[in-house]
Amino acid sequence: MAAQNNISFTFAHFKNLHIVCIDYSDQYYNSQIVWAKKIIYIKKAPLFLLLLVCTALFAQHNNTEDDTTWKHIYRANATKINDLVNTKLDVKFDYSKSYMYGKEWLTIHPHFYPTDSLTLDAKGMNINEVSLFENGRKKSLKYVYDDSMFLRITLNKTYKAGENYTIYIDYVSKPDEWKERGSAAITGAKGLYFINPRGEEAGKPTEIWTQGETEHNSVWMPTIDKPNQKLTDEISMTVPDKYVTLSNGLLTNQKKNADGTRTDTWTMNLPQSPYLFFMGVGDYSIIKDSYKGKDVAYYVEKEYAPVARGIFGHTPEMIKFYSETLGIDYPWQKYDQIVGRDYVSGAMENTTATLHGAGAYQNARELKDGNAWEEIGRESGRE
């Protein structure tokens, strides 16, 4: 049966923008559908210009040779043997080596069938200890670390479906020594990025940020690095006291240490996929906003603090727009956005903590011509 093409356009208006939503699908054999949605933002212009854009998009869609690789490659969900339940992390950063020293408590249970083993993604690490953590005590477990990629653990017994157990792992993450290549969309694959960690590059701030999509957070935390895993988490970061931190969920505790560092604990009590875990550290100004009583904040370098609202200030209205349009109010505890230098993509919708590339930065003069950074609207919609 020949392909049946469908394309439709939806128009909306927001501030000084026309929003054009294009839906299109190709249907084969009355069953398999390739579907996509594209949203474009156009400064208000005469209607004939919008129609011209839509006509061009329609022609481009129809004239493009169909990609049929999806017919031949079966991309199944990752097989589930164990389910992640919760990750608790306690991490410290070594700026001189670009290392992260981690302690992890990983709570898991078998997905369906009983099992006496666990395989975790753990890329390029030093593994110092693997133990069962039970009643406040650790019991050493046997493990094999295959090709510095997979941590294969023999459990102390056979666990049944739904029966929780907690694994403790002491490890070192060495992201700069991990040589996996990125992709065209996300050009790096080392998960954890130290930006100017020794302060050797003049004019560039010292920062740390993470990029988990697609399966790169397993460079800095042992996990089952698959998007069909959903779990809660608690991340404690010890950093120089002059820096601020950001992660998923809410900042639930801060403790100053005698050595001039501070430990911040972030708690995410709603389940998310491992690739959406995020850590950010740097000398940022935090510009506070809100949506329906939930905190909204913008983390920017100090020189951009005066224009942060000019860049990000429509965020609460965007959340309201998506909530009303979709009929589902924003579900997470808060929504923060942070800008990272040398970022390996455009932006990333880490749950409650979106990371933007430095292209988001615009000065007051540039903003007079309009906000050119469209990722703000796109990523807030993906939350």
Protein backbone atom coordinates (compact mmCIF):
# COMPACT_ATOMS: atom_id res chain seq x y z
CA MET A 1 0.00 0.00 0.00
CA ALA A 2 1.34 3.45 -0.82
CA ALA A 3 2.17 5.88 1.95
CA GLN A 4 -0.65 8.09 3.12
CA ASN A 5 0.65 11.52 4.14
CA ASN A 6 -1.18 13.82 6.53
CA ILE A 7 -0.11 17.28 7.56
CA SER A 8 -1.90 19.94 9.57
CA PHE A 9 -1.12 23.35 10.99
CA THR A 10 -2.26 24.95 14.22
CA PHE A 11 -1.79 28.65 14.93
CA ALA A 12 -1.54 30.40 18.30
CA HIS A 13 -0.29 33.75 19.53
CA PHE A 14 1.96 34.50 22.49
CA LYS A 15 3.26 38.01 23.21
CA ASN A 16 4.86 39.23 19.97
CA LEU A 17 5.12 35.78 18.41
CA HIS A 18 3.08 33.68 16.05
CA ILE A 19 3.35 30.03 17.10
CA VAL A 20 2.89 27.54 14.28
CA CYS A 21 2.49 23.89 15.27
CA ILE A 22 2.96 21.44 12.40
CA ASP A 23 1.77 17.83 12.78
CA TYR A 24 2.55 15.31 10.09
CA SER A 25 2.39 11.56 9.73
CA ASP A 26 3.16 8.87 7.19
CA GLN A 27 0.99 5.78 7.41
CA TYR A 28 2.02 2.42 5.94
CA TYR A 29 -0.10 -0.70 5.63
CA ASN A 30 -2.86 0.83 7.75
CA SER A 31 -0.94 0.10 10.94
CA GLN A 32 2.50 1.64 11.34
CA ILE A 33 2.68 5.40 11.72
CA VAL A 34 5.67 7.71 11.72
CA TRP A 35 4.55 10.91 13.46
CA ALA A 36 6.28 14.14 14.29
CA LYS A 37 5.45 17.53 15.63
CA LYS A 38 7.36 20.70 14.99
CA ILE A 39 6.78 24.04 16.66
CA ILE A 40 8.19 27.19 15.10
CA TYR A 41 8.12 30.69 16.45
CA ILE A 42 7.80 33.65 14.08
CA LYS A 43 7.72 37.30 15.04
CA LYS A 44 4.35 38.79 14.19
CA ALA A 45 4.12 39.31 10.46
CA PRO A 46 1.42 39.58 7.78
CA LEU A 47 -0.68 36.46 7.37
CA PHE A 48 0.55 35.83 3.83
CA LEU A 49 4.10 35.36 5.17
CA LEU A 50 2.87 32.69 7.58
CA LEU A 51 1.04 30.94 4.76
CA LEU A 52 4.21 31.10 2.67
CA VAL A 53 6.22 29.45 5.45
CA CYS A 54 3.61 26.72 5.89
CA THR A 55 3.50 26.06 2.13
CA ALA A 56 7.29 25.70 2.05
CA LEU A 57 7.23 23.28 5.00
CA PHE A 58 4.50 21.21 3.33
CA ALA A 59 6.50 21.02 0.09
CA GLN A 60 9.66 20.11 1.97
CA HIS A 61 7.85 17.29 3.77
CA ASN A 62 6.34 15.84 0.60
CA ASN A 63 9.53 16.14 -1.43
CA THR A 64 11.78 14.47 1.10
CA GLU A 65 12.48 10.82 0.46
CA ASP A 66 10.90 8.79 3.25
CA ASP A 67 13.28 7.31 5.80
CA THR A 68 12.33 3.64 5.98
CA THR A 69 15.05 2.42 8.36
CA TRP A 70 12.39 2.12 11.07
CA LYS A 71 10.92 -0.77 9.07
CA HIS A 72 14.06 -2.86 9.40
CA ILE A 73 15.41 -2.04 12.89
CA TYR A 74 13.35 -3.13 15.88
CA ARG A 75 14.08 -0.73 18.71
CA ALA A 76 12.57 -2.47 21.71
CA ASN A 77 12.56 -1.15 25.24
CA ALA A 78 15.51 -2.32 27.31
CA THR A 79 14.80 -5.65 29.02
CA LYS A 80 14.05 -5.17 32.70
CA ILE A 81 15.57 -7.64 35.14
CA ASN A 82 15.86 -5.22 38.06
CA ASP A 83 13.97 -1.99 38.75
CA LEU A 84 15.71 1.05 40.17
CA VAL A 85 13.83 2.49 43.16
CA ASN A 86 16.08 5.20 44.60
CA THR A 87 19.61 6.56 44.23
CA LYS A 88 21.38 8.33 47.08
CA LEU A 89 24.66 10.01 46.15
CA ASP A 90 27.35 11.75 48.20
CA VAL A 91 29.93 13.31 45.87
CA LYS A 92 33.01 15.52 46.04
CA PHE A 93 34.90 17.10 43.14
CA ASP A 94 38.64 17.15 42.54
CA TYR A 95 39.20 20.21 40.34
CA SER A 96 42.91 19.51 39.89
CA LYS A 97 42.31 16.10 38.30
CA SER A 98 38.75 16.58 36.99
CA TYR A 99 37.70 13.59 39.10
CA MET A 100 34.57 13.04 41.15
CA TYR A 101 34.70 10.88 44.29
CA GLY A 102 31.36 9.19 44.83
CA LYS A 103 29.54 7.14 47.40
CA GLU A 104 26.27 5.64 46.25
CA TRP A 105 23.40 3.81 47.91
CA LEU A 106 21.27 2.24 45.18
CA THR A 107 17.92 0.69 46.17
CA ILE A 108 16.58 -1.87 43.69
CA HIS A 109 14.20 -4.81 43.39
CA PRO A 110 13.67 -7.54 40.78
CA HIS A 111 11.26 -6.50 38.05
CA PHE A 112 9.40 -9.81 37.76
CA TYR A 113 11.49 -12.96 37.94
CA PRO A 114 13.60 -13.78 41.02
CA THR A 115 17.27 -12.91 40.55
CA ASP A 116 20.57 -13.28 42.38
CA SER A 117 22.56 -10.81 40.26
CA LEU A 118 22.65 -7.19 39.19
CA THR A 119 24.29 -5.51 36.20
CA LEU A 120 24.93 -1.76 36.30
CA ASP A 121 26.23 0.65 33.68
CA ALA A 122 29.40 2.24 35.09
CA LYS A 123 31.70 3.77 32.49
CA GLY A 124 35.40 4.38 32.96
CA MET A 125 35.41 4.37 36.76
CA ASN A 126 37.62 3.12 39.53
CA ILE A 127 35.48 0.81 41.67
CA ASN A 128 36.77 0.72 45.25
CA GLU A 129 34.02 -1.17 47.06
CA VAL A 130 30.73 -2.96 46.37
CA SER A 131 28.65 -4.05 49.35
CA LEU A 132 25.15 -4.96 50.40
CA PHE A 133 23.86 -2.24 52.74
CA GLU A 134 21.42 -3.64 55.28
CA ASN A 135 20.38 -2.38 58.73
CA GLY A 136 23.13 0.23 58.66
CA ARG A 137 25.87 -2.33 57.96
CA LYS A 138 27.86 -3.21 54.86
CA LYS A 139 28.56 -6.74 53.65
CA SER A 140 31.06 -7.18 50.80
CA LEU A 141 29.75 -8.62 47.55
CA LYS A 142 31.58 -10.30 44.69
CA TYR A 143 31.65 -8.37 41.42
CA VAL A 144 33.27 -8.25 38.00
CA TYR A 145 33.95 -4.96 36.21
CA ASP A 146 33.78 -5.77 32.47
CA ASP A 147 35.69 -3.53 30.05
CA SER A 148 35.21 -0.54 32.38
CA MET A 149 31.57 -0.44 31.24
CA PHE A 150 29.46 -2.98 33.13
CA LEU A 151 29.55 -3.67 36.86
CA ARG A 152 28.27 -7.22 37.34
CA ILE A 153 27.39 -7.95 40.97
CA THR A 154 26.61 -11.29 42.60
CA LEU A 155 23.98 -10.72 45.28
CA ASN A 156 23.98 -12.40 48.68
CA LYS A 157 20.82 -14.37 47.87
CA THR A 158 17.98 -14.69 45.37
CA TYR A 159 15.54 -11.81 45.64
CA LYS A 160 11.89 -11.98 44.63
CA ALA A 161 9.89 -9.45 42.62
CA GLY A 162 9.27 -6.31 44.66
CA GLU A 163 11.77 -7.28 47.38
CA ASN A 164 14.03 -4.26 47.88
CA TYR A 165 17.76 -4.45 48.48
CA THR A 166 20.37 -1.67 48.70
CA ILE A 167 23.81 -1.75 47.11
CA TYR A 168 26.60 0.52 48.38
CA ILE A 169 29.34 1.51 45.92
CA ASP A 170 32.48 3.57 46.58
CA TYR A 171 33.92 4.77 43.26
CA VAL A 172 35.82 7.43 41.33
CA SER A 173 34.43 9.02 38.15
CA LYS A 174 37.08 10.10 35.61
CA PRO A 175 35.08 11.72 32.81
CA ASP A 176 37.99 13.26 30.91
CA GLU A 177 39.48 9.79 30.50
CA TRP A 178 36.31 8.33 28.96
CA LYS A 179 36.74 8.39 25.18
CA GLU A 180 33.27 7.57 23.85
CA ARG A 181 32.17 9.86 21.01
CA GLY A 182 29.05 11.97 21.02
CA SER A 183 26.55 12.46 18.22
CA ALA A 184 25.59 15.23 15.81
CA ALA A 185 22.96 16.50 18.26
CA ILE A 186 24.96 16.03 21.48
CA THR A 187 28.63 16.29 20.66
CA GLY A 188 30.04 14.96 23.94
CA ALA A 189 29.55 11.66 25.76
CA LYS A 190 31.46 11.99 29.03
CA GLY A 191 28.44 12.81 31.19
CA LEU A 192 30.27 15.03 33.68
CA TYR A 193 32.03 18.19 32.49
CA PHE A 194 34.62 20.24 34.35
CA ILE A 195 34.82 23.69 32.71
CA ASN A 196 38.08 25.59 33.32
CA PRO A 197 38.55 23.60 36.55
CA ARG A 198 42.01 25.01 37.36
CA GLY A 199 41.22 28.57 36.31
CA GLU A 200 43.77 28.53 33.51
CA GLU A 201 41.55 30.10 30.83
CA ALA A 202 41.22 33.84 31.32
CA GLY A 203 37.69 35.21 31.06
CA LYS A 204 36.04 31.80 31.45
CA PRO A 205 34.33 30.84 34.72
CA THR A 206 34.93 27.57 36.55
CA GLU A 207 31.84 25.39 36.29
CA ILE A 208 30.64 21.81 36.56
CA TRP A 209 27.58 20.50 34.75
CA THR A 210 26.27 17.14 33.58
CA GLN A 211 24.67 15.93 30.35
CA GLY A 212 22.90 12.58 30.62
CA GLU A 213 21.07 12.10 27.33
CA THR A 214 21.21 9.56 25.87
CA GLU A 215 23.03 7.16 28.23
CA HIS A 216 25.92 9.23 29.59
CA ASN A 217 25.12 9.78 33.27
CA SER A 218 26.58 6.34 33.91
CA VAL A 219 30.00 7.98 33.48
CA TRP A 220 29.49 9.66 36.87
CA MET A 221 27.10 7.31 38.71
CA PRO A 222 26.63 3.54 38.50
CA THR A 223 23.05 2.96 37.39
CA ILE A 224 20.84 1.11 34.94
CA ASP A 225 21.19 3.80 32.30
CA LYS A 226 17.99 3.17 30.37
CA PRO A 227 15.09 5.60 29.89
CA ASN A 228 12.46 3.03 30.91
CA GLN A 229 13.83 3.05 34.46
CA LYS A 230 12.10 5.50 36.84
CA LEU A 231 13.39 6.34 40.31
CA THR A 232 13.65 8.98 43.01
CA ASP A 233 16.95 10.38 44.22
CA GLU A 234 18.92 12.37 46.77
CA ILE A 235 22.20 14.02 45.72
CA SER A 236 24.62 15.63 48.17
CA MET A 237 27.38 17.73 46.58
CA THR A 238 30.36 19.05 48.55
CA VAL A 239 31.75 22.16 46.83
CA PRO A 240 33.83 25.26 47.64
CA ASP A 241 31.62 27.54 49.73
CA LYS A 242 31.83 30.34 47.13
CA TYR A 243 29.90 28.26 44.58
CA VAL A 244 26.19 27.52 44.29
CA THR A 245 24.75 24.16 43.25
CA LEU A 246 21.72 22.95 41.32
CA SER A 247 20.14 19.54 40.93
CA ASN A 248 16.74 17.90 40.45
CA GLY A 249 14.01 18.52 42.99
CA LEU A 250 14.38 20.73 46.04
CA LEU A 251 17.37 21.94 48.05
CA THR A 252 16.60 20.26 51.38
CA ASN A 253 19.80 20.86 53.38
CA GLN A 254 22.99 22.95 53.41
CA LYS A 255 25.90 22.38 55.78
CA LYS A 256 29.11 24.44 56.00
CA ASN A 257 32.24 22.39 56.62
CA ALA A 258 35.38 23.32 58.53
CA ASP A 259 37.58 23.07 55.41
CA GLY A 260 35.85 25.95 53.57
CA THR A 261 33.47 23.71 51.65
CA ARG A 262 29.73 23.35 51.86
CA THR A 263 27.53 20.29 51.35
CA ASP A 264 24.21 20.85 49.57
CA THR A 265 21.59 18.10 49.50
CA TRP A 266 18.96 18.03 46.75
CA THR A 267 15.98 15.68 47.02
CA MET A 268 13.81 14.53 44.12
CA ASN A 269 10.77 12.66 45.47
CA LEU A 270 9.05 12.08 42.12
CA PRO A 271 10.33 9.34 39.77
CA GLN A 272 12.42 10.26 36.74
CA SER A 273 14.70 8.48 34.27
CA PRO A 274 18.45 8.24 34.96
CA TYR A 275 19.40 10.33 31.92
CA LEU A 276 17.52 13.29 33.44
CA PHE A 277 19.64 13.40 36.62
CA PHE A 278 21.57 16.68 36.78
CA MET A 279 24.29 18.43 38.76
CA GLY A 280 25.45 22.00 38.24
CA VAL A 281 28.10 23.94 40.18
CA GLY A 282 29.48 27.43 39.68
CA ASP A 283 29.71 31.08 40.70
CA TYR A 284 26.18 32.02 39.62
CA SER A 285 23.68 34.68 40.52
CA ILE A 286 20.24 33.22 41.22
CA ILE A 287 17.30 35.31 39.99
CA LYS A 288 14.09 34.13 41.66
CA ASP A 289 10.64 33.97 40.14
CA SER A 290 7.56 31.80 40.72
CA TYR A 291 4.61 29.99 39.17
CA LYS A 292 1.54 29.21 41.29
CA GLY A 293 3.62 29.23 44.45
CA LYS A 294 6.35 26.99 43.00
CA ASP A 295 9.88 28.34 42.79
CA VAL A 296 11.19 29.30 39.37
CA ALA A 297 14.79 30.49 39.19
CA TYR A 298 17.42 31.52 36.64
CA TYR A 299 21.11 30.71 37.29
CA VAL A 300 23.34 33.09 35.30
CA GLU A 301 26.87 34.43 35.44
CA LYS A 302 26.95 37.57 37.58
CA GLU A 303 27.38 39.99 34.68
CA TYR A 304 24.09 38.76 33.20
CA ALA A 305 22.09 39.12 36.42
CA PRO A 306 20.64 42.53 35.37
CA VAL A 307 19.23 41.05 32.15
CA ALA A 308 18.27 37.58 33.42
CA ARG A 309 14.58 38.46 33.47
CA GLY A 310 14.87 39.81 29.95
CA ILE A 311 16.19 36.40 28.86
CA PHE A 312 14.12 34.03 31.01
CA GLY A 313 11.35 36.21 32.47
CA HIS A 314 8.50 34.82 30.34
CA THR A 315 9.07 31.32 31.76
CA PRO A 316 6.11 31.40 34.20
CA GLU A 317 3.81 32.47 31.35
CA MET A 318 5.15 29.66 29.18
CA ILE A 319 4.49 27.11 31.94
CA LYS A 320 0.97 28.51 32.24
CA PHE A 321 0.49 28.31 28.46
CA TYR A 322 1.58 24.65 28.29
CA SER A 323 -0.44 23.73 31.39
CA GLU A 324 -3.64 25.24 30.01
CA THR A 325 -3.09 23.97 26.46
CA LEU A 326 -2.35 20.39 27.55
CA GLY A 327 -4.88 20.36 30.39
CA ILE A 328 -2.22 19.13 32.86
CA ASP A 329 -0.73 21.56 35.34
CA TYR A 330 3.05 21.63 35.80
CA PRO A 331 3.69 18.52 37.96
CA TRP A 332 7.21 19.05 39.36
CA GLN A 333 8.29 20.75 42.61
CA LYS A 334 10.03 23.73 40.95
CA TYR A 335 11.60 24.81 37.67
CA ASP A 336 15.13 26.18 37.43
CA GLN A 337 17.24 27.07 34.40
CA ILE A 338 21.02 27.33 34.33
CA VAL A 339 23.51 28.34 31.64
CA GLY A 340 26.71 26.34 31.12
CA ARG A 341 29.84 27.27 29.20
CA ASP A 342 31.17 24.96 26.47
CA TYR A 343 27.90 23.05 26.43
CA VAL A 344 27.74 20.14 23.99
CA SER A 345 24.23 20.81 22.66
CA GLY A 346 21.59 23.55 22.63
CA ALA A 347 19.68 22.84 25.84
CA MET A 348 18.58 19.87 27.94
CA GLU A 349 15.32 19.37 29.82
CA ASN A 350 16.73 17.77 32.99
CA THR A 351 13.77 17.36 35.33
CA THR A 352 13.20 20.67 37.19
CA ALA A 353 16.68 21.87 36.15
CA THR A 354 17.08 22.76 32.46
CA LEU A 355 20.61 23.38 31.20
CA HIS A 356 21.16 25.93 28.42
CA GLY A 357 24.24 26.59 26.32
CA ALA A 358 25.94 29.97 26.51
CA GLY A 359 24.01 31.07 23.41
CA ALA A 360 21.22 31.93 25.85
CA TYR A 361 23.25 34.90 27.08
CA GLN A 362 22.17 38.18 25.48
CA ASN A 363 22.94 41.70 26.62
CA ALA A 364 20.41 44.51 27.05
CA ARG A 365 21.10 45.92 23.59
CA GLU A 366 20.60 42.55 21.91
CA LEU A 367 17.36 41.95 23.83
CA LYS A 368 15.90 45.18 22.40
CA ASP A 369 15.73 43.33 19.08
CA GLY A 370 13.88 40.45 20.75
CA ASN A 371 14.90 37.33 22.62
CA ALA A 372 16.65 35.09 20.08
CA TRP A 373 16.98 32.03 22.36
CA GLU A 374 13.98 29.86 21.45
CA GLU A 375 15.19 26.93 23.59
CA ILE A 376 13.50 28.49 26.64
CA GLY A 377 10.05 27.78 25.22
CA ARG A 378 11.01 24.38 23.83
CA GLU A 379 12.61 23.01 26.99
CA SER A 380 9.89 24.29 29.33
CA GLY A 381 7.39 22.39 27.17
CA ARG A 382 9.45 19.20 27.46
CA GLU A 383 9.37 19.35 31.25
